Amino acid sequence: MNGDVSASMRKSGLPYGMNFGLDAMSLRELGTVYTPDVELATTLWQESSRECKILATMLYPKDSFSQADADQWLTGCFTTELLEQLCFNLLQHLPFAQELAVRWMEDPSEQRRSAGYLLLLRLLLAKKADAAENAASEGMLKDCHSDNYQLKLHASRLVARLTAQ
């Protein structure tokens, strides 16, 4: 437990019900102790603890996670950190990850578009998607100028990656 980190997150207004302040490496080590399990991951995701939610993204069996699950879990990502952990630990490994990213990027919801941009960026960085197949769209370019910081950040990073290749 890291009280300083936890206090800092609380002071910054992060809406976790409970936060122990564990860093990602400690959580990753803890995650290796458990066998991936749908029921365990689902139970952890439903908790209001930052650490439980992050562990859930590590422990959900990748072959059991559906697009409907992804849509549902996305609504529970109320911080950029949770969205990043969901994309990095789980979504990028799914066989339908690119399809999911494209669907979310075309959604009217800013949260879904932001998640789609982040997921496609992860896929490009992990070489699980090809930049040539994913040109920057008009909507993506528009989102680079959004008032929503997270949307603007994720769209801008993706556009930079797509145009750099």
N, C-alpha and C. Protein backbone atom coordinates (compact mmCIF):
# COMPACT_ATOMS: atom_id res chain seq x y z
N MET A 1 0.85 -1.18 0.00
CA MET A 1 0.00 0.00 0.00
C MET A 1 0.89 1.23 0.00
N ASN A 2 0.54 2.20 -0.82
CA ASN A 2 1.29 3.44 -0.89
C ASN A 2 0.35 4.59 -0.55
N GLY A 3 0.39 5.01 0.69
CA GLY A 3 -0.50 6.06 1.18
C GLY A 3 -0.32 7.38 0.47
N ASP A 4 0.93 7.72 0.12
CA ASP A 4 1.19 8.99 -0.56
C ASP A 4 0.53 9.01 -1.94
N VAL A 5 0.68 7.93 -2.68
CA VAL A 5 0.08 7.84 -4.02
C VAL A 5 -1.44 7.88 -3.90
N SER A 6 -1.97 7.11 -2.96
CA SER A 6 -3.41 7.07 -2.76
C SER A 6 -3.96 8.45 -2.40
N ALA A 7 -3.28 9.14 -1.49
CA ALA A 7 -3.71 10.49 -1.09
C ALA A 7 -3.64 11.46 -2.26
N SER A 8 -2.59 11.34 -3.06
CA SER A 8 -2.44 12.21 -4.22
C SER A 8 -3.56 12.00 -5.23
N MET A 9 -3.92 10.74 -5.47
CA MET A 9 -5.01 10.44 -6.41
C MET A 9 -6.34 10.98 -5.89
N ARG A 10 -6.56 10.81 -4.59
CA ARG A 10 -7.79 11.31 -3.99
C ARG A 10 -7.86 12.83 -4.09
N LYS A 11 -6.72 13.48 -3.82
CA LYS A 11 -6.64 14.94 -3.88
C LYS A 11 -6.89 15.44 -5.30
N SER A 12 -6.47 14.65 -6.29
CA SER A 12 -6.67 15.02 -7.70
C SER A 12 -8.10 14.81 -8.16
N GLY A 13 -8.92 14.22 -7.29
CA GLY A 13 -10.33 14.04 -7.61
C GLY A 13 -10.66 12.76 -8.34
N LEU A 14 -9.74 11.79 -8.36
CA LEU A 14 -10.04 10.52 -9.03
C LEU A 14 -11.13 9.80 -8.24
N PRO A 15 -12.17 9.34 -8.91
CA PRO A 15 -13.38 8.87 -8.24
C PRO A 15 -13.38 7.42 -7.76
N TYR A 16 -12.26 6.91 -7.34
CA TYR A 16 -12.23 5.54 -6.84
C TYR A 16 -12.84 5.52 -5.44
N GLY A 17 -13.68 4.52 -5.17
CA GLY A 17 -14.25 4.38 -3.84
C GLY A 17 -13.15 4.03 -2.84
N MET A 18 -12.24 3.17 -3.26
CA MET A 18 -11.12 2.77 -2.42
C MET A 18 -9.88 2.71 -3.30
N ASN A 19 -8.78 3.17 -2.76
CA ASN A 19 -7.55 3.22 -3.54
C ASN A 19 -6.38 2.96 -2.61
N PHE A 20 -5.66 1.88 -2.86
CA PHE A 20 -4.52 1.52 -2.01
C PHE A 20 -3.21 2.11 -2.52
N GLY A 21 -3.21 2.65 -3.73
CA GLY A 21 -2.01 3.29 -4.27
C GLY A 21 -0.95 2.33 -4.77
N LEU A 22 -1.34 1.09 -5.07
CA LEU A 22 -0.36 0.12 -5.59
C LEU A 22 0.02 0.49 -7.02
N ASP A 23 1.30 0.34 -7.34
CA ASP A 23 1.74 0.66 -8.70
C ASP A 23 1.46 -0.52 -9.63
N ALA A 24 1.55 -0.26 -10.92
CA ALA A 24 1.21 -1.26 -11.94
C ALA A 24 2.06 -2.52 -11.82
N MET A 25 3.34 -2.37 -11.52
CA MET A 25 4.21 -3.56 -11.40
C MET A 25 3.78 -4.46 -10.25
N SER A 26 3.43 -3.86 -9.12
CA SER A 26 2.96 -4.65 -7.97
C SER A 26 1.68 -5.38 -8.32
N LEU A 27 0.78 -4.70 -9.01
CA LEU A 27 -0.47 -5.34 -9.42
C LEU A 27 -0.21 -6.46 -10.41
N ARG A 28 0.73 -6.26 -11.33
CA ARG A 28 1.06 -7.29 -12.31
C ARG A 28 1.60 -8.54 -11.59
N GLU A 29 2.47 -8.32 -10.60
CA GLU A 29 3.00 -9.45 -9.81
C GLU A 29 1.87 -10.17 -9.09
N LEU A 30 0.97 -9.41 -8.48
CA LEU A 30 -0.16 -10.00 -7.77
C LEU A 30 -1.04 -10.80 -8.73
N GLY A 31 -1.22 -10.28 -9.93
CA GLY A 31 -2.04 -10.96 -10.92
C GLY A 31 -1.50 -12.31 -11.34
N THR A 32 -0.18 -12.50 -11.26
CA THR A 32 0.41 -13.78 -11.67
C THR A 32 0.12 -14.91 -10.68
N VAL A 33 -0.32 -14.55 -9.49
CA VAL A 33 -0.62 -15.55 -8.46
C VAL A 33 -1.94 -16.27 -8.77
N TYR A 34 -2.81 -15.63 -9.53
CA TYR A 34 -4.15 -16.16 -9.79
C TYR A 34 -4.28 -16.69 -11.21
N THR A 35 -5.11 -17.70 -11.36
CA THR A 35 -5.45 -18.24 -12.67
C THR A 35 -6.57 -17.39 -13.25
N PRO A 36 -6.48 -17.01 -14.52
CA PRO A 36 -7.58 -16.24 -15.12
C PRO A 36 -8.92 -16.95 -14.93
N ASP A 37 -9.93 -16.18 -14.54
CA ASP A 37 -11.22 -16.74 -14.20
C ASP A 37 -12.30 -15.68 -14.43
N VAL A 38 -13.34 -16.04 -15.17
CA VAL A 38 -14.41 -15.11 -15.50
C VAL A 38 -15.10 -14.58 -14.25
N GLU A 39 -15.48 -15.48 -13.36
CA GLU A 39 -16.22 -15.07 -12.15
C GLU A 39 -15.37 -14.17 -11.26
N LEU A 40 -14.11 -14.52 -11.07
CA LEU A 40 -13.23 -13.69 -10.24
C LEU A 40 -13.04 -12.31 -10.87
N ALA A 41 -12.75 -12.28 -12.17
CA ALA A 41 -12.53 -10.99 -12.84
C ALA A 41 -13.78 -10.13 -12.81
N THR A 42 -14.93 -10.74 -13.03
CA THR A 42 -16.20 -9.99 -13.01
C THR A 42 -16.46 -9.42 -11.62
N THR A 43 -16.21 -10.21 -10.60
CA THR A 43 -16.40 -9.74 -9.22
C THR A 43 -15.45 -8.60 -8.91
N LEU A 44 -14.20 -8.73 -9.31
CA LEU A 44 -13.22 -7.66 -9.08
C LEU A 44 -13.62 -6.39 -9.81
N TRP A 45 -14.11 -6.52 -11.05
CA TRP A 45 -14.48 -5.34 -11.84
C TRP A 45 -15.64 -4.58 -11.17
N GLN A 46 -16.51 -5.29 -10.49
CA GLN A 46 -17.67 -4.66 -9.87
C GLN A 46 -17.32 -3.93 -8.57
N GLU A 47 -16.13 -4.15 -8.06
CA GLU A 47 -15.70 -3.45 -6.85
C GLU A 47 -15.34 -2.00 -7.18
N SER A 48 -15.39 -1.15 -6.18
CA SER A 48 -15.08 0.27 -6.42
C SER A 48 -13.62 0.59 -6.13
N SER A 49 -12.80 -0.43 -6.05
CA SER A 49 -11.37 -0.27 -5.79
C SER A 49 -10.59 -0.20 -7.09
N ARG A 50 -9.72 0.77 -7.19
CA ARG A 50 -8.85 0.93 -8.37
C ARG A 50 -8.08 -0.36 -8.64
N GLU A 51 -7.47 -0.90 -7.61
CA GLU A 51 -6.64 -2.09 -7.76
C GLU A 51 -7.46 -3.30 -8.21
N CYS A 52 -8.67 -3.45 -7.67
CA CYS A 52 -9.53 -4.57 -8.09
C CYS A 52 -9.88 -4.47 -9.56
N LYS A 53 -10.21 -3.27 -10.01
CA LYS A 53 -10.57 -3.09 -11.42
C LYS A 53 -9.38 -3.39 -12.34
N ILE A 54 -8.21 -2.93 -11.96
CA ILE A 54 -7.02 -3.19 -12.79
C ILE A 54 -6.71 -4.69 -12.80
N LEU A 55 -6.78 -5.34 -11.65
CA LEU A 55 -6.56 -6.79 -11.60
C LEU A 55 -7.58 -7.53 -12.46
N ALA A 56 -8.81 -7.06 -12.48
CA ALA A 56 -9.85 -7.70 -13.30
C ALA A 56 -9.45 -7.72 -14.77
N THR A 57 -8.82 -6.63 -15.24
CA THR A 57 -8.39 -6.58 -16.65
C THR A 57 -7.29 -7.58 -16.94
N MET A 58 -6.56 -7.97 -15.91
CA MET A 58 -5.47 -8.94 -16.07
C MET A 58 -5.97 -10.38 -15.96
N LEU A 59 -7.08 -10.58 -15.24
CA LEU A 59 -7.51 -11.93 -14.90
C LEU A 59 -8.70 -12.45 -15.71
N TYR A 60 -9.28 -11.62 -16.56
CA TYR A 60 -10.39 -12.11 -17.37
C TYR A 60 -9.81 -12.95 -18.51
N PRO A 61 -10.24 -14.20 -18.67
CA PRO A 61 -9.72 -15.04 -19.75
C PRO A 61 -10.03 -14.42 -21.11
N LYS A 62 -9.01 -14.23 -21.90
CA LYS A 62 -9.15 -13.53 -23.17
C LYS A 62 -10.07 -14.26 -24.15
N ASP A 63 -10.13 -15.57 -24.06
CA ASP A 63 -10.99 -16.32 -24.98
C ASP A 63 -12.46 -16.32 -24.56
N SER A 64 -12.76 -15.74 -23.40
CA SER A 64 -14.14 -15.68 -22.92
C SER A 64 -14.74 -14.29 -22.97
N PHE A 65 -13.94 -13.29 -23.29
CA PHE A 65 -14.39 -11.89 -23.26
C PHE A 65 -15.03 -11.54 -24.60
N SER A 66 -16.27 -11.09 -24.57
CA SER A 66 -17.02 -10.80 -25.80
C SER A 66 -17.05 -9.30 -26.11
N GLN A 67 -17.54 -8.97 -27.29
CA GLN A 67 -17.71 -7.56 -27.63
C GLN A 67 -18.73 -6.90 -26.70
N ALA A 68 -19.76 -7.64 -26.31
CA ALA A 68 -20.74 -7.11 -25.36
C ALA A 68 -20.08 -6.83 -24.01
N ASP A 69 -19.18 -7.72 -23.59
CA ASP A 69 -18.43 -7.49 -22.34
C ASP A 69 -17.60 -6.22 -22.47
N ALA A 70 -16.94 -6.05 -23.61
CA ALA A 70 -16.10 -4.87 -23.83
C ALA A 70 -16.93 -3.60 -23.75
N ASP A 71 -18.10 -3.61 -24.38
CA ASP A 71 -18.99 -2.44 -24.32
C ASP A 71 -19.40 -2.14 -22.88
N GLN A 72 -19.72 -3.19 -22.14
CA GLN A 72 -20.15 -3.01 -20.75
C GLN A 72 -19.00 -2.51 -19.88
N TRP A 73 -17.83 -3.09 -20.02
CA TRP A 73 -16.70 -2.69 -19.19
C TRP A 73 -16.25 -1.27 -19.52
N LEU A 74 -16.40 -0.88 -20.77
CA LEU A 74 -16.01 0.48 -21.13
C LEU A 74 -16.79 1.51 -20.31
N THR A 75 -18.06 1.23 -20.05
CA THR A 75 -18.85 2.18 -19.26
C THR A 75 -18.33 2.30 -17.83
N GLY A 76 -17.58 1.31 -17.36
CA GLY A 76 -17.00 1.35 -16.02
C GLY A 76 -15.63 2.01 -15.97
N CYS A 77 -15.13 2.45 -17.11
CA CYS A 77 -13.82 3.11 -17.16
C CYS A 77 -14.00 4.61 -16.95
N PHE A 78 -13.98 5.02 -15.70
CA PHE A 78 -14.22 6.43 -15.39
C PHE A 78 -12.93 7.23 -15.23
N THR A 79 -11.79 6.60 -15.50
CA THR A 79 -10.51 7.33 -15.53
C THR A 79 -9.72 6.87 -16.75
N THR A 80 -8.81 7.72 -17.18
CA THR A 80 -7.93 7.36 -18.30
C THR A 80 -7.09 6.16 -17.93
N GLU A 81 -6.64 6.09 -16.69
CA GLU A 81 -5.83 4.96 -16.25
C GLU A 81 -6.57 3.64 -16.44
N LEU A 82 -7.83 3.57 -16.03
CA LEU A 82 -8.59 2.33 -16.20
C LEU A 82 -8.76 1.98 -17.67
N LEU A 83 -9.04 2.97 -18.49
CA LEU A 83 -9.18 2.72 -19.93
C LEU A 83 -7.87 2.19 -20.51
N GLU A 84 -6.76 2.79 -20.13
CA GLU A 84 -5.46 2.33 -20.62
C GLU A 84 -5.18 0.90 -20.17
N GLN A 85 -5.48 0.59 -18.91
CA GLN A 85 -5.25 -0.77 -18.40
C GLN A 85 -6.15 -1.78 -19.11
N LEU A 86 -7.40 -1.40 -19.35
CA LEU A 86 -8.32 -2.30 -20.05
C LEU A 86 -7.80 -2.59 -21.46
N CYS A 87 -7.36 -1.56 -22.16
CA CYS A 87 -6.83 -1.75 -23.52
C CYS A 87 -5.53 -2.57 -23.52
N PHE A 88 -4.63 -2.23 -22.61
CA PHE A 88 -3.31 -2.88 -22.58
C PHE A 88 -3.39 -4.33 -22.10
N ASN A 89 -4.11 -4.56 -21.02
CA ASN A 89 -4.12 -5.89 -20.40
C ASN A 89 -5.08 -6.87 -21.06
N LEU A 90 -6.13 -6.37 -21.69
CA LEU A 90 -7.16 -7.28 -22.17
C LEU A 90 -7.56 -7.05 -23.63
N LEU A 91 -8.06 -5.87 -23.94
CA LEU A 91 -8.67 -5.66 -25.26
C LEU A 91 -7.72 -5.89 -26.43
N GLN A 92 -6.48 -5.45 -26.33
CA GLN A 92 -5.56 -5.60 -27.47
C GLN A 92 -5.27 -7.06 -27.81
N HIS A 93 -5.57 -7.96 -26.90
CA HIS A 93 -5.29 -9.39 -27.11
C HIS A 93 -6.47 -10.15 -27.71
N LEU A 94 -7.60 -9.48 -27.89
CA LEU A 94 -8.80 -10.15 -28.37
C LEU A 94 -8.77 -10.28 -29.89
N PRO A 95 -9.30 -11.37 -30.43
CA PRO A 95 -9.27 -11.55 -31.89
C PRO A 95 -10.08 -10.49 -32.64
N PHE A 96 -11.03 -9.87 -31.99
CA PHE A 96 -11.86 -8.85 -32.62
C PHE A 96 -11.47 -7.44 -32.20
N ALA A 97 -10.26 -7.26 -31.69
CA ALA A 97 -9.83 -5.96 -31.15
C ALA A 97 -9.89 -4.85 -32.20
N GLN A 98 -9.41 -5.11 -33.40
CA GLN A 98 -9.42 -4.06 -34.42
C GLN A 98 -10.85 -3.70 -34.83
N GLU A 99 -11.68 -4.70 -34.97
CA GLU A 99 -13.09 -4.45 -35.29
C GLU A 99 -13.75 -3.61 -34.20
N LEU A 100 -13.45 -3.92 -32.96
CA LEU A 100 -13.98 -3.18 -31.82
C LEU A 100 -13.49 -1.73 -31.85
N ALA A 101 -12.20 -1.54 -32.11
CA ALA A 101 -11.64 -0.19 -32.17
C ALA A 101 -12.32 0.64 -33.25
N VAL A 102 -12.49 0.07 -34.42
CA VAL A 102 -13.12 0.79 -35.53
C VAL A 102 -14.58 1.13 -35.19
N ARG A 103 -15.29 0.19 -34.61
CA ARG A 103 -16.69 0.44 -34.23
C ARG A 103 -16.78 1.57 -33.22
N TRP A 104 -15.91 1.54 -32.21
CA TRP A 104 -15.93 2.60 -31.20
C TRP A 104 -15.52 3.95 -31.79
N MET A 105 -14.57 3.95 -32.72
CA MET A 105 -14.12 5.22 -33.31
C MET A 105 -15.23 5.90 -34.10
N GLU A 106 -16.20 5.14 -34.56
CA GLU A 106 -17.31 5.68 -35.34
C GLU A 106 -18.54 5.99 -34.49
N ASP A 107 -18.45 5.78 -33.19
CA ASP A 107 -19.59 5.96 -32.28
C ASP A 107 -19.80 7.44 -31.96
N PRO A 108 -21.04 7.87 -31.75
CA PRO A 108 -21.29 9.27 -31.38
C PRO A 108 -20.76 9.62 -29.98
N SER A 109 -20.59 8.63 -29.12
CA SER A 109 -20.11 8.88 -27.75
C SER A 109 -18.63 9.25 -27.75
N GLU A 110 -18.30 10.35 -27.10
CA GLU A 110 -16.89 10.76 -27.00
C GLU A 110 -16.06 9.72 -26.27
N GLN A 111 -16.63 9.10 -25.23
CA GLN A 111 -15.89 8.09 -24.48
C GLN A 111 -15.55 6.90 -25.37
N ARG A 112 -16.50 6.47 -26.17
CA ARG A 112 -16.25 5.32 -27.05
C ARG A 112 -15.23 5.67 -28.14
N ARG A 113 -15.35 6.86 -28.72
CA ARG A 113 -14.38 7.25 -29.74
C ARG A 113 -12.98 7.31 -29.14
N SER A 114 -12.87 7.90 -27.96
CA SER A 114 -11.57 7.99 -27.28
C SER A 114 -11.00 6.59 -27.05
N ALA A 115 -11.85 5.68 -26.58
CA ALA A 115 -11.42 4.30 -26.35
C ALA A 115 -11.00 3.62 -27.65
N GLY A 116 -11.75 3.87 -28.71
CA GLY A 116 -11.41 3.29 -30.01
C GLY A 116 -10.06 3.78 -30.50
N TYR A 117 -9.80 5.08 -30.35
CA TYR A 117 -8.50 5.63 -30.76
C TYR A 117 -7.37 5.00 -29.95
N LEU A 118 -7.57 4.91 -28.64
CA LEU A 118 -6.54 4.34 -27.78
C LEU A 118 -6.30 2.87 -28.11
N LEU A 119 -7.36 2.13 -28.33
CA LEU A 119 -7.21 0.71 -28.65
C LEU A 119 -6.49 0.51 -29.99
N LEU A 120 -6.87 1.27 -31.00
CA LEU A 120 -6.18 1.13 -32.29
C LEU A 120 -4.71 1.53 -32.17
N LEU A 121 -4.43 2.57 -31.40
CA LEU A 121 -3.04 2.96 -31.17
C LEU A 121 -2.27 1.81 -30.52
N ARG A 122 -2.86 1.16 -29.52
CA ARG A 122 -2.22 0.01 -28.86
C ARG A 122 -1.93 -1.09 -29.89
N LEU A 123 -2.91 -1.35 -30.75
CA LEU A 123 -2.75 -2.40 -31.76
C LEU A 123 -1.63 -2.06 -32.73
N LEU A 124 -1.52 -0.80 -33.11
CA LEU A 124 -0.44 -0.37 -34.00
C LEU A 124 0.91 -0.52 -33.32
N LEU A 125 1.00 -0.10 -32.06
CA LEU A 125 2.26 -0.19 -31.33
C LEU A 125 2.69 -1.64 -31.12
N ALA A 126 1.71 -2.53 -30.93
CA ALA A 126 2.00 -3.95 -30.73
C ALA A 126 2.12 -4.69 -32.06
N LYS A 127 2.03 -3.95 -33.16
CA LYS A 127 2.12 -4.51 -34.51
C LYS A 127 1.03 -5.56 -34.78
N LYS A 128 -0.15 -5.32 -34.19
CA LYS A 128 -1.30 -6.19 -34.42
C LYS A 128 -2.28 -5.55 -35.40
N ALA A 129 -1.92 -4.37 -35.90
CA ALA A 129 -2.72 -3.67 -36.91
C ALA A 129 -1.75 -2.94 -37.82
N ASP A 130 -2.20 -2.66 -39.02
CA ASP A 130 -1.36 -2.01 -40.02
C ASP A 130 -1.87 -0.59 -40.26
N ALA A 131 -0.97 0.37 -40.17
CA ALA A 131 -1.34 1.77 -40.37
C ALA A 131 -1.90 2.01 -41.76
N ALA A 132 -1.41 1.28 -42.75
CA ALA A 132 -1.88 1.46 -44.13
C ALA A 132 -3.37 1.15 -44.26
N GLU A 133 -3.87 0.26 -43.41
CA GLU A 133 -5.28 -0.12 -43.45
C GLU A 133 -6.16 0.85 -42.66
N ASN A 134 -5.55 1.76 -41.92
CA ASN A 134 -6.30 2.62 -41.00
C ASN A 134 -5.95 4.08 -41.20
N ALA A 135 -6.49 4.68 -42.23
CA ALA A 135 -6.21 6.09 -42.50
C ALA A 135 -6.96 6.98 -41.52
N ALA A 136 -6.39 8.13 -41.25
CA ALA A 136 -7.05 9.10 -40.38
C ALA A 136 -8.33 9.58 -41.05
N SER A 137 -9.43 9.53 -40.32
CA SER A 137 -10.72 9.94 -40.86
C SER A 137 -10.99 11.41 -40.54
N GLU A 138 -12.00 11.95 -41.19
CA GLU A 138 -12.38 13.34 -40.93
C GLU A 138 -12.82 13.51 -39.48
N GLY A 139 -13.57 12.54 -38.97
CA GLY A 139 -14.02 12.61 -37.57
C GLY A 139 -12.85 12.57 -36.60
N MET A 140 -11.87 11.74 -36.91
CA MET A 140 -10.68 11.63 -36.06
C MET A 140 -9.93 12.96 -36.04
N LEU A 141 -9.79 13.57 -37.20
CA LEU A 141 -9.09 14.86 -37.27
C LEU A 141 -9.86 15.94 -36.51
N LYS A 142 -11.18 15.90 -36.60
CA LYS A 142 -12.01 16.84 -35.85
C LYS A 142 -11.82 16.64 -34.34
N ASP A 143 -11.74 15.38 -33.91
CA ASP A 143 -11.57 15.08 -32.49
C ASP A 143 -10.22 15.54 -31.96
N CYS A 144 -9.26 15.75 -32.84
CA CYS A 144 -7.95 16.28 -32.42
C CYS A 144 -8.07 17.70 -31.88
N HIS A 145 -9.20 18.34 -32.13
CA HIS A 145 -9.43 19.72 -31.67
C HIS A 145 -10.58 19.79 -30.67
N SER A 146 -10.93 18.66 -30.09
CA SER A 146 -12.05 18.60 -29.15
C SER A 146 -11.73 19.35 -27.85
N ASP A 147 -12.76 19.79 -27.18
CA ASP A 147 -12.61 20.38 -25.84
C ASP A 147 -12.42 19.29 -24.78
N ASN A 148 -12.77 18.06 -25.13
CA ASN A 148 -12.60 16.92 -24.23
C ASN A 148 -11.12 16.51 -24.29
N TYR A 149 -10.40 16.71 -23.20
CA TYR A 149 -8.95 16.48 -23.19
C TYR A 149 -8.59 15.05 -23.57
N GLN A 150 -9.26 14.08 -22.96
CA GLN A 150 -8.93 12.67 -23.22
C GLN A 150 -9.17 12.33 -24.69
N LEU A 151 -10.29 12.77 -25.24
CA LEU A 151 -10.60 12.51 -26.64
C LEU A 151 -9.56 13.15 -27.55
N LYS A 152 -9.24 14.39 -27.27
CA LYS A 152 -8.24 15.13 -28.05
C LYS A 152 -6.88 14.43 -28.00
N LEU A 153 -6.47 14.01 -26.81
CA LEU A 153 -5.19 13.34 -26.62
C LEU A 153 -5.11 12.04 -27.40
N HIS A 154 -6.12 11.19 -27.25
CA HIS A 154 -6.09 9.89 -27.91
C HIS A 154 -6.19 10.02 -29.43
N ALA A 155 -7.04 10.93 -29.91
CA ALA A 155 -7.15 11.14 -31.36
C ALA A 155 -5.83 11.69 -31.92
N SER A 156 -5.24 12.64 -31.22
CA SER A 156 -3.99 13.26 -31.69
C SER A 156 -2.85 12.25 -31.73
N ARG A 157 -2.75 11.42 -30.71
CA ARG A 157 -1.69 10.40 -30.68
C ARG A 157 -1.86 9.39 -31.81
N LEU A 158 -3.11 9.01 -32.06
CA LEU A 158 -3.35 8.05 -33.14
C LEU A 158 -3.04 8.67 -34.50
N VAL A 159 -3.48 9.90 -34.72
CA VAL A 159 -3.18 10.57 -35.99
C VAL A 159 -1.67 10.69 -36.19
N ALA A 160 -0.96 11.05 -35.13
CA ALA A 160 0.51 11.17 -35.22
C ALA A 160 1.12 9.83 -35.62
N ARG A 161 0.63 8.76 -35.04
CA ARG A 161 1.16 7.42 -35.35
C ARG A 161 0.82 7.02 -36.79
N LEU A 162 -0.40 7.29 -37.19
CA LEU A 162 -0.82 6.92 -38.55
C LEU A 162 -0.06 7.69 -39.62
N THR A 163 0.23 8.95 -39.35
CA THR A 163 0.91 9.78 -40.35
C THR A 163 2.43 9.61 -40.31
N ALA A 164 2.95 9.02 -39.24
CA ALA A 164 4.40 8.82 -39.13
C ALA A 164 4.86 7.59 -39.89
N GLN A 165 3.95 6.73 -40.24
CA GLN A 165 4.34 5.46 -40.87
C GLN A 165 4.30 5.53 -42.36
